[in-house]
Amino acid sequence: NEADHKILLNFIKVGDIAVYRIPPDYTLPYLFYAIHRIVEIGKDKEGRYFKLQGDNNAVKDPYKARDENILWLSIGTIF
């Protein structure tokens, strides 16, 4: 729900793994999701943004994800 999402957003930090919705202007007419690591958190005229990068990718994703794009954070990994 919206209240839980706001709490989740307060705890995001660089290095977290996030499930996020790729901004629609990059994926139209389809909607895609990715699981990537947050490598940068910044602010611009539109507000806070996140730059993400897959662990096996050489470069960051080419777009800025916003708060509304972040759906979940990984809180643990089982090996």
C-alpha atoms as a PDB file:
ATOM      1  CA  ASN A   1       0.000   0.000   0.000  1.00  0.00           C
ATOM      2  CA  GLU A   2       0.999   3.645  -0.231  1.00  0.00           C
ATOM      3  CA  ALA A   3       2.034   3.994   3.423  1.00  0.00           C
ATOM      4  CA  ASP A   4       4.332   0.960   3.231  1.00  0.00           C
ATOM      5  CA  HIS A   5       5.824   2.266  -0.019  1.00  0.00           C
ATOM      6  CA  LYS A   6       6.704   5.590   1.652  1.00  0.00           C
ATOM      7  CA  ILE A   7       8.431   3.718   4.493  1.00  0.00           C
ATOM      8  CA  LEU A   8      10.380   1.606   1.993  1.00  0.00           C
ATOM      9  CA  LEU A   9      11.534   4.755   0.179  1.00  0.00           C
ATOM     10  CA  ASN A  10      12.946   6.201   3.406  1.00  0.00           C
ATOM     11  CA  PHE A  11      15.376   3.296   3.757  1.00  0.00           C
ATOM     12  CA  ILE A  12      16.803   3.133   0.219  1.00  0.00           C
ATOM     13  CA  LYS A  13      20.568   3.502  -0.010  1.00  0.00           C
ATOM     14  CA  VAL A  14      23.298   2.981  -2.589  1.00  0.00           C
ATOM     15  CA  GLY A  15      24.099  -0.726  -2.832  1.00  0.00           C
ATOM     16  CA  ASP A  16      20.521  -1.924  -2.290  1.00  0.00           C
ATOM     17  CA  ILE A  17      18.989  -4.290  -4.813  1.00  0.00           C
ATOM     18  CA  ALA A  18      15.640  -3.038  -6.080  1.00  0.00           C
ATOM     19  CA  VAL A  19      12.830  -4.381  -8.207  1.00  0.00           C
ATOM     20  CA  TYR A  20      11.705  -1.458 -10.293  1.00  0.00           C
ATOM     21  CA  ARG A  21       9.540  -0.541 -13.224  1.00  0.00           C
ATOM     22  CA  ILE A  22      11.606   0.716 -16.144  1.00  0.00           C
ATOM     23  CA  PRO A  23      10.290   4.192 -17.043  1.00  0.00           C
ATOM     24  CA  PRO A  24       7.570   3.790 -19.708  1.00  0.00           C
ATOM     25  CA  ASP A  25       9.130   6.180 -22.228  1.00  0.00           C
ATOM     26  CA  TYR A  26      11.917   3.577 -22.634  1.00  0.00           C
ATOM     27  CA  THR A  27       9.657   0.547 -22.997  1.00  0.00           C
ATOM     28  CA  LEU A  28       6.495   1.661 -24.796  1.00  0.00           C
ATOM     29  CA  PRO A  29       4.218  -0.051 -25.679  1.00  0.00           C
ATOM     30  CA  TYR A  30       5.296  -2.674 -23.113  1.00  0.00           C
ATOM     31  CA  LEU A  31       5.901  -2.487 -19.383  1.00  0.00           C
ATOM     32  CA  PHE A  32       9.135  -4.046 -18.116  1.00  0.00           C
ATOM     33  CA  TYR A  33      10.593  -4.671 -14.690  1.00  0.00           C
ATOM     34  CA  ALA A  34      14.213  -5.173 -13.687  1.00  0.00           C
ATOM     35  CA  ILE A  35      16.124  -6.255 -10.602  1.00  0.00           C
ATOM     36  CA  HIS A  36      19.271  -4.128 -10.408  1.00  0.00           C
ATOM     37  CA  ARG A  37      21.544  -2.587  -7.798  1.00  0.00           C
ATOM     38  CA  ILE A  38      21.205   1.101  -6.898  1.00  0.00           C
ATOM     39  CA  VAL A  39      24.531   2.748  -7.757  1.00  0.00           C
ATOM     40  CA  GLU A  40      23.612   6.427  -7.408  1.00  0.00           C
ATOM     41  CA  ILE A  41      20.961   8.532  -5.695  1.00  0.00           C
ATOM     42  CA  GLY A  42      20.584  12.131  -6.806  1.00  0.00           C
ATOM     43  CA  LYS A  43      18.210  15.048  -7.094  1.00  0.00           C
ATOM     44  CA  ASP A  44      17.251  17.181 -10.064  1.00  0.00           C
ATOM     45  CA  LYS A  45      14.421  19.588 -10.946  1.00  0.00           C
ATOM     46  CA  GLU A  46      11.968  16.660 -11.076  1.00  0.00           C
ATOM     47  CA  GLY A  47      12.933  15.374  -7.613  1.00  0.00           C
ATOM     48  CA  ARG A  48      14.886  12.385  -6.358  1.00  0.00           C
ATOM     49  CA  TYR A  49      16.167   9.825  -8.820  1.00  0.00           C
ATOM     50  CA  PHE A  50      18.037   6.540  -8.754  1.00  0.00           C
ATOM     51  CA  LYS A  51      20.597   5.219 -11.220  1.00  0.00           C
ATOM     52  CA  LEU A  52      20.701   1.433 -11.327  1.00  0.00           C
ATOM     53  CA  GLN A  53      22.994  -1.137 -12.842  1.00  0.00           C
ATOM     54  CA  GLY A  54      22.837  -4.888 -13.202  1.00  0.00           C
ATOM     55  CA  ASP A  55      25.682  -6.669 -11.412  1.00  0.00           C
ATOM     56  CA  ASN A  56      26.793  -8.266 -14.700  1.00  0.00           C
ATOM     57  CA  ASN A  57      26.438  -5.079 -16.767  1.00  0.00           C
ATOM     58  CA  ALA A  58      29.413  -2.890 -17.640  1.00  0.00           C
ATOM     59  CA  VAL A  59      27.441   0.378 -17.602  1.00  0.00           C
ATOM     60  CA  LYS A  60      24.598   1.989 -15.657  1.00  0.00           C
ATOM     61  CA  ASP A  61      21.059   1.871 -16.995  1.00  0.00           C
ATOM     62  CA  PRO A  62      20.515   4.864 -19.338  1.00  0.00           C
ATOM     63  CA  TYR A  63      17.520   6.335 -17.472  1.00  0.00           C
ATOM     64  CA  LYS A  64      16.663   7.762 -14.091  1.00  0.00           C
ATOM     65  CA  ALA A  65      14.221   5.757 -12.003  1.00  0.00           C
ATOM     66  CA  ARG A  66      11.997   7.806  -9.696  1.00  0.00           C
ATOM     67  CA  ASP A  67      10.391   6.967  -6.350  1.00  0.00           C
ATOM     68  CA  GLU A  68       7.243   5.736  -8.078  1.00  0.00           C
ATOM     69  CA  ASN A  69       9.288   3.294 -10.175  1.00  0.00           C
ATOM     70  CA  ILE A  70      10.758   1.464  -7.162  1.00  0.00           C
ATOM     71  CA  LEU A  71       8.508  -1.431  -6.149  1.00  0.00           C
ATOM     72  CA  TRP A  72      10.483  -3.606  -3.710  1.00  0.00           C
ATOM     73  CA  LEU A  73      13.879  -3.868  -2.068  1.00  0.00           C
ATOM     74  CA  SER A  74      15.811  -7.059  -1.442  1.00  0.00           C
ATOM     75  CA  ILE A  75      16.308  -7.629   2.277  1.00  0.00           C
ATOM     76  CA  GLY A  76      18.330 -10.804   2.074  1.00  0.00           C
ATOM     77  CA  THR A  77      19.838 -13.452  -0.121  1.00  0.00           C
ATOM     78  CA  ILE A  78      19.813 -17.203   0.499  1.00  0.00           C
ATOM     79  CA  PHE A  79      22.816 -19.140  -0.776  1.00  0.00           C
END
